[in-house]
Amino acid sequence: MRILREPLFHFLVLGALVFGFYLALRGDDSVADNIIQVSPDKVENLAALFERTWQRPPRAEELEGLVNDYLREEVIYREGVAMGLDQNDTVIRRRIRQKLEFVIEDMMRGPDPDDSVLEEFLADQSERFRIPPRYSFQQIYFSPERRGEDALGDAVDLMRRLQAENAVARPADAGDPIMLEPAYQLLSPYDISRLFGKPFADNFEGLAVGQWHGPLKSGFGFHVLRVEEKVPGRVPALDEVRGQVVREWDSVRRDEARESFYEELLARYQIEVEYPESVDSTSGAAEN
């Protein structure tokens, strides 16, 4: 009777019950797939993975250990699937979806595109590859912290004087010091926005070259500036962006292949969706 009170005995009995329940769930399927074959290709793959990690081929005992680890993983995986542990698991569902989509992409991979295909794609998707305009300019800064309410008026006075005299000012001789450069060469709108802020950069498209403009307001204060050069934006030739075009073309093709395959699979099923009364099903839910 003493043994009945032992925790170890309780543990063994509980383990036996769980194992018996597991066998009942599996039924006769436990012997239906009891062969695990480790092919030479699989062994070579395990060895190659080891070599990439450790920069040397595995020794005999290490290779044996790799095979044993693979067997352990395969056995436990099969037993887990047999117990239904892969059911209703969001992570596993997403991984299976991801792997199937990879398989679909490989199955539907066609020949590499020739120049005519890439040229057509570049023309259709020109905004993806457009080279933005570039601006060279000098700027004179007026600090609200230094000048207070006079900052804007002082900037206006300088701009009018420069425009009237058609003069080329030296930023070092006018305005206030700032950590920004007094002049910049061939910056894109993105570069200008990163330095001065987007509202400031948005003004550049309409600024004439060779004239003084302003005051333009940035996050720092007020600026009087002169655009020295403007290089218009353009769609590049294929040879300039071939690598990017190939990558984008391939990405679009893979997306289309996945969507097409999904639609074919979906057509095999009868879809029934029942929404609870508390959910509005008219806000964009698809009907099949």
C-alpha atoms as a PDB file:
ATOM      1  CA  MET A   1       0.000   0.000   0.000  1.00  0.00           C
ATOM      2  CA  ARG A   2       2.943   2.292   0.606  1.00  0.00           C
ATOM      3  CA  ILE A   3       3.849   2.291  -3.068  1.00  0.00           C
ATOM      4  CA  LEU A   4       0.418   3.663  -3.925  1.00  0.00           C
ATOM      5  CA  ARG A   5       1.341   6.843  -2.082  1.00  0.00           C
ATOM      6  CA  GLU A   6       4.665   7.312  -3.904  1.00  0.00           C
ATOM      7  CA  PRO A   7       4.769  10.344  -6.321  1.00  0.00           C
ATOM      8  CA  LEU A   8       6.862   8.320  -8.790  1.00  0.00           C
ATOM      9  CA  PHE A   9       4.132   5.680  -8.971  1.00  0.00           C
ATOM     10  CA  HIS A  10       1.540   8.360  -9.658  1.00  0.00           C
ATOM     11  CA  PHE A  11       3.746   9.788 -12.408  1.00  0.00           C
ATOM     12  CA  LEU A  12       4.205   6.392 -14.087  1.00  0.00           C
ATOM     13  CA  VAL A  13       0.478   5.654 -13.996  1.00  0.00           C
ATOM     14  CA  LEU A  14      -0.338   9.070 -15.447  1.00  0.00           C
ATOM     15  CA  GLY A  15       2.261   8.580 -18.187  1.00  0.00           C
ATOM     16  CA  ALA A  16       0.796   5.195 -19.078  1.00  0.00           C
ATOM     17  CA  LEU A  17      -2.692   6.681 -19.323  1.00  0.00           C
ATOM     18  CA  VAL A  18      -1.498   9.492 -21.577  1.00  0.00           C
ATOM     19  CA  PHE A  19       0.399   7.064 -23.805  1.00  0.00           C
ATOM     20  CA  GLY A  20      -2.625   4.761 -24.000  1.00  0.00           C
ATOM     21  CA  PHE A  21      -4.846   7.682 -24.965  1.00  0.00           C
ATOM     22  CA  TYR A  22      -2.319   8.666 -27.624  1.00  0.00           C
ATOM     23  CA  LEU A  23      -2.269   5.137 -29.103  1.00  0.00           C
ATOM     24  CA  ALA A  24      -6.065   5.147 -29.158  1.00  0.00           C
ATOM     25  CA  LEU A  25      -6.024   8.386 -31.132  1.00  0.00           C
ATOM     26  CA  ARG A  26      -3.538   7.000 -33.635  1.00  0.00           C
ATOM     27  CA  GLY A  27      -5.339   3.687 -34.144  1.00  0.00           C
ATOM     28  CA  ASP A  28      -3.702   1.499 -36.804  1.00  0.00           C
ATOM     29  CA  ASP A  29      -1.909   4.398 -38.457  1.00  0.00           C
ATOM     30  CA  SER A  30       1.106   3.896 -36.202  1.00  0.00           C
ATOM     31  CA  VAL A  31       2.548   1.293 -38.557  1.00  0.00           C
ATOM     32  CA  ALA A  32       1.344   2.837 -41.798  1.00  0.00           C
ATOM     33  CA  ASP A  33       4.294   5.145 -42.148  1.00  0.00           C
ATOM     34  CA  ASN A  34       7.068   3.654 -40.040  1.00  0.00           C
ATOM     35  CA  ILE A  35       9.895   3.825 -42.579  1.00  0.00           C
ATOM     36  CA  ILE A  36      12.383   6.687 -42.442  1.00  0.00           C
ATOM     37  CA  GLN A  37      14.845   6.750 -45.313  1.00  0.00           C
ATOM     38  CA  VAL A  38      17.927   8.946 -45.096  1.00  0.00           C
ATOM     39  CA  SER A  39      19.200   9.224 -48.663  1.00  0.00           C
ATOM     40  CA  PRO A  40      22.768  10.039 -49.712  1.00  0.00           C
ATOM     41  CA  ASP A  41      21.509  13.417 -50.899  1.00  0.00           C
ATOM     42  CA  LYS A  42      20.131  14.136 -47.425  1.00  0.00           C
ATOM     43  CA  VAL A  43      23.402  13.152 -45.782  1.00  0.00           C
ATOM     44  CA  GLU A  44      25.317  15.401 -48.196  1.00  0.00           C
ATOM     45  CA  ASN A  45      22.930  18.245 -47.403  1.00  0.00           C
ATOM     46  CA  LEU A  46      23.486  17.813 -43.666  1.00  0.00           C
ATOM     47  CA  ALA A  47      27.248  17.782 -44.211  1.00  0.00           C
ATOM     48  CA  ALA A  48      27.073  20.894 -46.412  1.00  0.00           C
ATOM     49  CA  LEU A  49      25.100  22.789 -43.766  1.00  0.00           C
ATOM     50  CA  PHE A  50      27.689  21.824 -41.162  1.00  0.00           C
ATOM     51  CA  GLU A  51      30.538  22.958 -43.422  1.00  0.00           C
ATOM     52  CA  ARG A  52      28.928  26.337 -44.109  1.00  0.00           C
ATOM     53  CA  THR A  53      28.582  26.903 -40.380  1.00  0.00           C
ATOM     54  CA  TRP A  54      31.975  25.657 -39.176  1.00  0.00           C
ATOM     55  CA  GLN A  55      34.062  26.240 -42.334  1.00  0.00           C
ATOM     56  CA  ARG A  56      35.188  22.608 -42.452  1.00  0.00           C
ATOM     57  CA  PRO A  57      33.626  19.241 -43.328  1.00  0.00           C
ATOM     58  CA  PRO A  58      32.296  17.177 -40.417  1.00  0.00           C
ATOM     59  CA  ARG A  59      34.311  14.300 -38.994  1.00  0.00           C
ATOM     60  CA  ALA A  60      32.820  10.811 -39.109  1.00  0.00           C
ATOM     61  CA  GLU A  61      31.437  10.962 -35.571  1.00  0.00           C
ATOM     62  CA  GLU A  62      30.061  14.466 -36.197  1.00  0.00           C
ATOM     63  CA  LEU A  63      28.313  13.323 -39.363  1.00  0.00           C
ATOM     64  CA  GLU A  64      26.816  10.406 -37.452  1.00  0.00           C
ATOM     65  CA  GLY A  65      25.584  12.871 -34.853  1.00  0.00           C
ATOM     66  CA  LEU A  66      23.992  15.024 -37.564  1.00  0.00           C
ATOM     67  CA  VAL A  67      22.142  12.008 -38.946  1.00  0.00           C
ATOM     68  CA  ASN A  68      20.993  11.015 -35.453  1.00  0.00           C
ATOM     69  CA  ASP A  69      19.724  14.552 -34.817  1.00  0.00           C
ATOM     70  CA  TYR A  70      17.824  14.460 -38.103  1.00  0.00           C
ATOM     71  CA  LEU A  71      16.277  11.091 -37.165  1.00  0.00           C
ATOM     72  CA  ARG A  72      15.259  12.435 -33.769  1.00  0.00           C
ATOM     73  CA  GLU A  73      13.642  15.464 -35.390  1.00  0.00           C
ATOM     74  CA  GLU A  74      11.852  13.346 -38.010  1.00  0.00           C
ATOM     75  CA  VAL A  75      10.533  10.832 -35.501  1.00  0.00           C
ATOM     76  CA  ILE A  76       9.249  13.483 -33.109  1.00  0.00           C
ATOM     77  CA  TYR A  77       7.736  15.455 -35.992  1.00  0.00           C
ATOM     78  CA  ARG A  78       5.857  12.426 -37.312  1.00  0.00           C
ATOM     79  CA  GLU A  79       4.591  11.517 -33.865  1.00  0.00           C
ATOM     80  CA  GLY A  80       3.467  15.098 -33.283  1.00  0.00           C
ATOM     81  CA  VAL A  81       1.561  15.166 -36.572  1.00  0.00           C
ATOM     82  CA  ALA A  82       0.013  11.778 -35.765  1.00  0.00           C
ATOM     83  CA  MET A  83      -1.223  13.183 -32.440  1.00  0.00           C
ATOM     84  CA  GLY A  84      -2.740  16.152 -34.277  1.00  0.00           C
ATOM     85  CA  LEU A  85      -0.443  18.695 -32.658  1.00  0.00           C
ATOM     86  CA  ASP A  86      -0.205  20.559 -35.963  1.00  0.00           C
ATOM     87  CA  GLN A  87      -3.927  21.282 -35.950  1.00  0.00           C
ATOM     88  CA  ASN A  88      -5.251  24.746 -35.100  1.00  0.00           C
ATOM     89  CA  ASP A  89      -1.745  26.122 -34.663  1.00  0.00           C
ATOM     90  CA  THR A  90      -1.436  29.576 -36.240  1.00  0.00           C
ATOM     91  CA  VAL A  91       2.359  29.470 -36.496  1.00  0.00           C
ATOM     92  CA  ILE A  92       2.355  26.085 -38.259  1.00  0.00           C
ATOM     93  CA  ARG A  93      -0.447  27.161 -40.598  1.00  0.00           C
ATOM     94  CA  ARG A  94       1.514  30.248 -41.613  1.00  0.00           C
ATOM     95  CA  ARG A  95       4.694  28.259 -42.152  1.00  0.00           C
ATOM     96  CA  ILE A  96       2.878  25.730 -44.355  1.00  0.00           C
ATOM     97  CA  ARG A  97       1.285  28.552 -46.344  1.00  0.00           C
ATOM     98  CA  GLN A  98       4.679  30.199 -46.780  1.00  0.00           C
ATOM     99  CA  LYS A  99       6.354  26.968 -47.906  1.00  0.00           C
ATOM    100  CA  LEU A 100       3.545  26.191 -50.349  1.00  0.00           C
ATOM    101  CA  GLU A 101       3.834  29.675 -51.849  1.00  0.00           C
ATOM    102  CA  PHE A 102       7.572  29.114 -52.304  1.00  0.00           C
ATOM    103  CA  VAL A 103       6.811  25.824 -54.069  1.00  0.00           C
ATOM    104  CA  ILE A 104       4.268  27.590 -56.294  1.00  0.00           C
ATOM    105  CA  GLU A 105       6.834  30.237 -57.242  1.00  0.00           C
ATOM    106  CA  ASP A 106       9.391  27.568 -58.184  1.00  0.00           C
ATOM    107  CA  MET A 107       6.820  25.576 -60.170  1.00  0.00           C
ATOM    108  CA  MET A 108       5.704  28.613 -62.136  1.00  0.00           C
ATOM    109  CA  ARG A 109       9.167  30.069 -62.689  1.00  0.00           C
ATOM    110  CA  GLY A 110       9.598  30.692 -66.390  1.00  0.00           C
ATOM    111  CA  PRO A 111      12.579  31.727 -68.485  1.00  0.00           C
ATOM    112  CA  ASP A 112      14.472  34.905 -67.700  1.00  0.00           C
ATOM    113  CA  PRO A 113      12.946  37.957 -69.375  1.00  0.00           C
ATOM    114  CA  ASP A 114      14.580  39.330 -72.517  1.00  0.00           C
ATOM    115  CA  ASP A 115      15.133  43.021 -73.198  1.00  0.00           C
ATOM    116  CA  SER A 116      11.776  43.463 -74.955  1.00  0.00           C
ATOM    117  CA  VAL A 117       9.926  42.231 -71.858  1.00  0.00           C
ATOM    118  CA  LEU A 118      11.997  44.445 -69.567  1.00  0.00           C
ATOM    119  CA  GLU A 119      11.559  47.477 -71.817  1.00  0.00           C
ATOM    120  CA  GLU A 120       7.784  47.016 -71.786  1.00  0.00           C
ATOM    121  CA  PHE A 121       7.777  46.599 -68.005  1.00  0.00           C
ATOM    122  CA  LEU A 122       9.921  49.710 -67.580  1.00  0.00           C
ATOM    123  CA  ALA A 123       7.517  51.717 -69.743  1.00  0.00           C
ATOM    124  CA  ASP A 124       4.426  50.448 -67.895  1.00  0.00           C
ATOM    125  CA  GLN A 125       5.956  50.983 -64.447  1.00  0.00           C
ATOM    126  CA  SER A 126       7.982  54.089 -65.204  1.00  0.00           C
ATOM    127  CA  GLU A 127       7.166  55.819 -61.905  1.00  0.00           C
ATOM    128  CA  ARG A 128       8.883  52.991 -60.017  1.00  0.00           C
ATOM    129  CA  PHE A 129      12.181  53.834 -61.677  1.00  0.00           C
ATOM    130  CA  ARG A 130      11.966  57.568 -62.327  1.00  0.00           C
ATOM    131  CA  ILE A 131      15.128  59.447 -61.391  1.00  0.00           C
ATOM    132  CA  PRO A 132      14.049  62.519 -59.385  1.00  0.00           C
ATOM    133  CA  PRO A 133      15.144  66.051 -60.263  1.00  0.00           C
ATOM    134  CA  ARG A 134      18.313  67.436 -58.681  1.00  0.00           C
ATOM    135  CA  TYR A 135      18.983  70.954 -57.455  1.00  0.00           C
ATOM    136  CA  SER A 136      22.137  72.910 -56.709  1.00  0.00           C
ATOM    137  CA  PHE A 137      21.505  75.986 -54.552  1.00  0.00           C
ATOM    138  CA  GLN A 138      22.891  78.330 -51.945  1.00  0.00           C
ATOM    139  CA  GLN A 139      20.937  79.478 -48.928  1.00  0.00           C
ATOM    140  CA  ILE A 140      21.142  82.328 -46.434  1.00  0.00           C
ATOM    141  CA  TYR A 141      19.608  81.665 -43.036  1.00  0.00           C
ATOM    142  CA  PHE A 142      17.812  84.033 -40.656  1.00  0.00           C
ATOM    143  CA  SER A 143      17.374  82.781 -37.119  1.00  0.00           C
ATOM    144  CA  PRO A 144      14.189  83.586 -35.154  1.00  0.00           C
ATOM    145  CA  GLU A 145      16.114  82.803 -31.982  1.00  0.00           C
ATOM    146  CA  ARG A 146      18.728  85.450 -32.713  1.00  0.00           C
ATOM    147  CA  ARG A 147      16.533  88.083 -34.368  1.00  0.00           C
ATOM    148  CA  GLY A 148      13.133  87.422 -32.830  1.00  0.00           C
ATOM    149  CA  GLU A 149      10.272  88.996 -34.773  1.00  0.00           C
ATOM    150  CA  ASP A 150      12.771  90.777 -37.064  1.00  0.00           C
ATOM    151  CA  ALA A 151      13.961  87.503 -38.644  1.00  0.00           C
ATOM    152  CA  LEU A 152      11.280  87.396 -41.336  1.00  0.00           C
ATOM    153  CA  GLY A 153      11.539  91.127 -42.145  1.00  0.00           C
ATOM    154  CA  ASP A 154      15.322  90.982 -42.391  1.00  0.00           C
ATOM    155  CA  ALA A 155      15.056  88.011 -44.766  1.00  0.00           C
ATOM    156  CA  VAL A 156      12.560  89.896 -46.954  1.00  0.00           C
ATOM    157  CA  ASP A 157      14.801  92.982 -47.062  1.00  0.00           C
ATOM    158  CA  LEU A 158      17.841  90.962 -48.147  1.00  0.00           C
ATOM    159  CA  MET A 159      15.889  89.065 -50.802  1.00  0.00           C
ATOM    160  CA  ARG A 160      14.535  92.299 -52.319  1.00  0.00           C
ATOM    161  CA  ARG A 161      17.987  93.853 -52.365  1.00  0.00           C
ATOM    162  CA  LEU A 162      19.506  90.819 -54.045  1.00  0.00           C
ATOM    163  CA  GLN A 163      16.719  90.682 -56.622  1.00  0.00           C
ATOM    164  CA  ALA A 164      16.981  94.395 -57.394  1.00  0.00           C
ATOM    165  CA  GLU A 165      20.742  94.315 -57.737  1.00  0.00           C
ATOM    166  CA  ASN A 166      20.813  90.896 -59.417  1.00  0.00           C
ATOM    167  CA  ALA A 167      23.681  90.220 -57.057  1.00  0.00           C
ATOM    168  CA  VAL A 168      25.321  86.995 -56.043  1.00  0.00           C
ATOM    169  CA  ALA A 169      25.517  87.043 -52.273  1.00  0.00           C
ATOM    170  CA  ARG A 170      28.008  85.245 -50.137  1.00  0.00           C
ATOM    171  CA  PRO A 171      26.061  83.371 -47.452  1.00  0.00           C
ATOM    172  CA  ALA A 172      29.000  83.786 -45.094  1.00  0.00           C
ATOM    173  CA  ASP A 173      28.613  87.562 -45.350  1.00  0.00           C
ATOM    174  CA  ALA A 174      24.861  87.682 -44.645  1.00  0.00           C
ATOM    175  CA  GLY A 175      22.341  85.992 -42.418  1.00  0.00           C
ATOM    176  CA  ASP A 176      23.060  83.932 -39.313  1.00  0.00           C
ATOM    177  CA  PRO A 177      25.231  80.883 -38.697  1.00  0.00           C
ATOM    178  CA  ILE A 178      23.643  77.443 -38.897  1.00  0.00           C
ATOM    179  CA  MET A 179      25.016  73.914 -38.925  1.00  0.00           C
ATOM    180  CA  LEU A 180      23.680  73.396 -42.446  1.00  0.00           C
ATOM    181  CA  GLU A 181      25.946  74.061 -45.427  1.00  0.00           C
ATOM    182  CA  PRO A 182      25.690  77.460 -47.183  1.00  0.00           C
ATOM    183  CA  ALA A 183      25.539  75.677 -50.570  1.00  0.00           C
ATOM    184  CA  TYR A 184      24.545  72.219 -51.822  1.00  0.00           C
ATOM    185  CA  GLN A 185      25.168  70.407 -55.081  1.00  0.00           C
ATOM    186  CA  LEU A 186      22.590  68.331 -56.947  1.00  0.00           C
ATOM    187  CA  LEU A 187      20.316  67.268 -54.091  1.00  0.00           C
ATOM    188  CA  SER A 188      17.097  65.362 -54.755  1.00  0.00           C
ATOM    189  CA  PRO A 189      13.808  66.488 -53.189  1.00  0.00           C
ATOM    190  CA  TYR A 190      14.204  63.637 -50.708  1.00  0.00           C
ATOM    191  CA  ASP A 191      17.668  64.875 -49.711  1.00  0.00           C
ATOM    192  CA  ILE A 192      16.388  68.435 -49.313  1.00  0.00           C
ATOM    193  CA  SER A 193      13.421  67.209 -47.296  1.00  0.00           C
ATOM    194  CA  ARG A 194      15.722  65.233 -45.013  1.00  0.00           C
ATOM    195  CA  LEU A 195      17.803  68.359 -44.293  1.00  0.00           C
ATOM    196  CA  PHE A 196      15.221  71.154 -44.276  1.00  0.00           C
ATOM    197  CA  GLY A 197      11.844  69.434 -44.006  1.00  0.00           C
ATOM    198  CA  LYS A 198       9.257  68.422 -46.624  1.00  0.00           C
ATOM    199  CA  PRO A 199       7.344  71.763 -46.804  1.00  0.00           C
ATOM    200  CA  PHE A 200      10.628  73.506 -47.611  1.00  0.00           C
ATOM    201  CA  ALA A 201      11.529  70.920 -50.276  1.00  0.00           C
ATOM    202  CA  ASP A 202       8.085  71.138 -51.898  1.00  0.00           C
ATOM    203  CA  ASN A 203       8.849  74.713 -53.001  1.00  0.00           C
ATOM    204  CA  PHE A 204      11.725  73.771 -55.302  1.00  0.00           C
ATOM    205  CA  GLU A 205       9.736  72.525 -58.292  1.00  0.00           C
ATOM    206  CA  GLY A 206       8.469  76.026 -59.060  1.00  0.00           C
ATOM    207  CA  LEU A 207      11.694  77.966 -58.403  1.00  0.00           C
ATOM    208  CA  ALA A 208      13.429  79.554 -61.385  1.00  0.00           C
ATOM    209  CA  VAL A 209      17.131  78.947 -61.891  1.00  0.00           C
ATOM    210  CA  GLY A 210      19.511  81.883 -61.417  1.00  0.00           C
ATOM    211  CA  GLN A 211      17.167  83.937 -59.247  1.00  0.00           C
ATOM    212  CA  TRP A 212      16.830  84.663 -55.552  1.00  0.00           C
ATOM    213  CA  HIS A 213      13.713  83.326 -53.832  1.00  0.00           C
ATOM    214  CA  GLY A 214      12.175  83.497 -50.421  1.00  0.00           C
ATOM    215  CA  PRO A 215      11.933  83.771 -47.646  1.00  0.00           C
ATOM    216  CA  LEU A 216      11.199  80.047 -47.420  1.00  0.00           C
ATOM    217  CA  LYS A 217      10.392  78.683 -43.996  1.00  0.00           C
ATOM    218  CA  SER A 218      11.978  75.525 -42.616  1.00  0.00           C
ATOM    219  CA  GLY A 219      12.004  73.956 -39.192  1.00  0.00           C
ATOM    220  CA  PHE A 220      15.030  76.119 -38.391  1.00  0.00           C
ATOM    221  CA  GLY A 221      13.712  79.512 -39.451  1.00  0.00           C
ATOM    222  CA  PHE A 222      13.732  81.538 -42.687  1.00  0.00           C
ATOM    223  CA  HIS A 223      15.919  81.091 -45.764  1.00  0.00           C
ATOM    224  CA  VAL A 224      16.681  83.192 -48.805  1.00  0.00           C
ATOM    225  CA  LEU A 225      18.014  80.947 -51.546  1.00  0.00           C
ATOM    226  CA  ARG A 226      19.219  80.928 -55.123  1.00  0.00           C
ATOM    227  CA  VAL A 227      18.862  77.881 -57.357  1.00  0.00           C
ATOM    228  CA  GLU A 228      22.079  77.572 -59.334  1.00  0.00           C
ATOM    229  CA  GLU A 229      21.225  74.456 -61.341  1.00  0.00           C
ATOM    230  CA  LYS A 230      18.274  72.175 -61.924  1.00  0.00           C
ATOM    231  CA  VAL A 231      18.574  68.736 -63.509  1.00  0.00           C
ATOM    232  CA  PRO A 232      15.067  67.574 -64.526  1.00  0.00           C
ATOM    233  CA  GLY A 233      13.770  64.212 -63.432  1.00  0.00           C
ATOM    234  CA  ARG A 234      13.561  61.494 -66.061  1.00  0.00           C
ATOM    235  CA  VAL A 235      12.833  57.850 -66.723  1.00  0.00           C
ATOM    236  CA  PRO A 236      16.203  56.101 -67.106  1.00  0.00           C
ATOM    237  CA  ALA A 237      17.217  53.848 -69.960  1.00  0.00           C
ATOM    238  CA  LEU A 238      17.049  50.112 -69.315  1.00  0.00           C
ATOM    239  CA  ASP A 239      20.832  49.701 -69.125  1.00  0.00           C
ATOM    240  CA  GLU A 240      20.966  52.231 -66.282  1.00  0.00           C
ATOM    241  CA  VAL A 241      18.590  50.290 -64.037  1.00  0.00           C
ATOM    242  CA  ARG A 242      18.598  46.778 -65.480  1.00  0.00           C
ATOM    243  CA  GLY A 243      19.201  45.039 -62.156  1.00  0.00           C
ATOM    244  CA  GLN A 244      16.399  46.942 -60.437  1.00  0.00           C
ATOM    245  CA  VAL A 245      13.990  46.333 -63.321  1.00  0.00           C
ATOM    246  CA  VAL A 246      14.718  42.584 -63.284  1.00  0.00           C
ATOM    247  CA  ARG A 247      14.105  42.416 -59.515  1.00  0.00           C
ATOM    248  CA  GLU A 248      10.852  44.365 -59.737  1.00  0.00           C
ATOM    249  CA  TRP A 249       9.647  42.354 -62.742  1.00  0.00           C
ATOM    250  CA  ASP A 250      10.368  39.107 -60.910  1.00  0.00           C
ATOM    251  CA  SER A 251       8.587  40.337 -57.778  1.00  0.00           C
ATOM    252  CA  VAL A 252       5.471  41.298 -59.730  1.00  0.00           C
ATOM    253  CA  ARG A 253       5.516  38.002 -61.645  1.00  0.00           C
ATOM    254  CA  ARG A 254       5.764  36.003 -58.396  1.00  0.00           C
ATOM    255  CA  ASP A 255       2.872  37.951 -56.864  1.00  0.00           C
ATOM    256  CA  GLU A 256       0.735  37.278 -59.931  1.00  0.00           C
ATOM    257  CA  ALA A 257       1.651  33.582 -59.899  1.00  0.00           C
ATOM    258  CA  ARG A 258       0.683  33.207 -56.245  1.00  0.00           C
ATOM    259  CA  GLU A 259      -2.616  35.001 -56.772  1.00  0.00           C
ATOM    260  CA  SER A 260      -3.463  32.979 -59.874  1.00  0.00           C
ATOM    261  CA  PHE A 261      -2.708  29.680 -58.135  1.00  0.00           C
ATOM    262  CA  TYR A 262      -4.728  30.731 -55.090  1.00  0.00           C
ATOM    263  CA  GLU A 263      -7.739  31.558 -57.266  1.00  0.00           C
ATOM    264  CA  GLU A 264      -7.495  28.116 -58.888  1.00  0.00           C
ATOM    265  CA  LEU A 265      -7.360  26.431 -55.483  1.00  0.00           C
ATOM    266  CA  LEU A 266     -10.195  28.548 -54.113  1.00  0.00           C
ATOM    267  CA  ALA A 267     -12.424  27.515 -57.017  1.00  0.00           C
ATOM    268  CA  ARG A 268     -12.245  23.901 -55.767  1.00  0.00           C
ATOM    269  CA  TYR A 269     -13.980  24.764 -52.519  1.00  0.00           C
ATOM    270  CA  GLN A 270     -17.476  25.761 -51.544  1.00  0.00           C
ATOM    271  CA  ILE A 271     -17.050  28.715 -49.201  1.00  0.00           C
ATOM    272  CA  GLU A 272     -19.554  29.287 -46.416  1.00  0.00           C
ATOM    273  CA  VAL A 273     -19.022  32.250 -44.106  1.00  0.00           C
ATOM    274  CA  GLU A 274     -21.467  33.027 -41.328  1.00  0.00           C
ATOM    275  CA  TYR A 275     -20.982  36.318 -39.512  1.00  0.00           C
ATOM    276  CA  PRO A 276     -22.293  36.894 -36.013  1.00  0.00           C
ATOM    277  CA  GLU A 277     -24.974  39.549 -35.672  1.00  0.00           C
ATOM    278  CA  SER A 278     -22.519  41.802 -33.838  1.00  0.00           C
ATOM    279  CA  VAL A 279     -20.260  42.009 -36.934  1.00  0.00           C
ATOM    280  CA  ASP A 280     -21.095  44.126 -39.964  1.00  0.00           C
ATOM    281  CA  SER A 281     -20.406  41.815 -42.929  1.00  0.00           C
ATOM    282  CA  THR A 282     -21.213  44.483 -45.534  1.00  0.00           C
ATOM    283  CA  SER A 283     -18.022  46.505 -45.043  1.00  0.00           C
ATOM    284  CA  GLY A 284     -15.977  44.848 -47.753  1.00  0.00           C
ATOM    285  CA  ALA A 285     -16.320  41.133 -47.015  1.00  0.00           C
ATOM    286  CA  ALA A 286     -16.044  39.023 -50.151  1.00  0.00           C
ATOM    287  CA  GLU A 287     -18.873  36.737 -51.143  1.00  0.00           C
ATOM    288  CA  ASN A 288     -18.087  33.450 -52.818  1.00  0.00           C
END
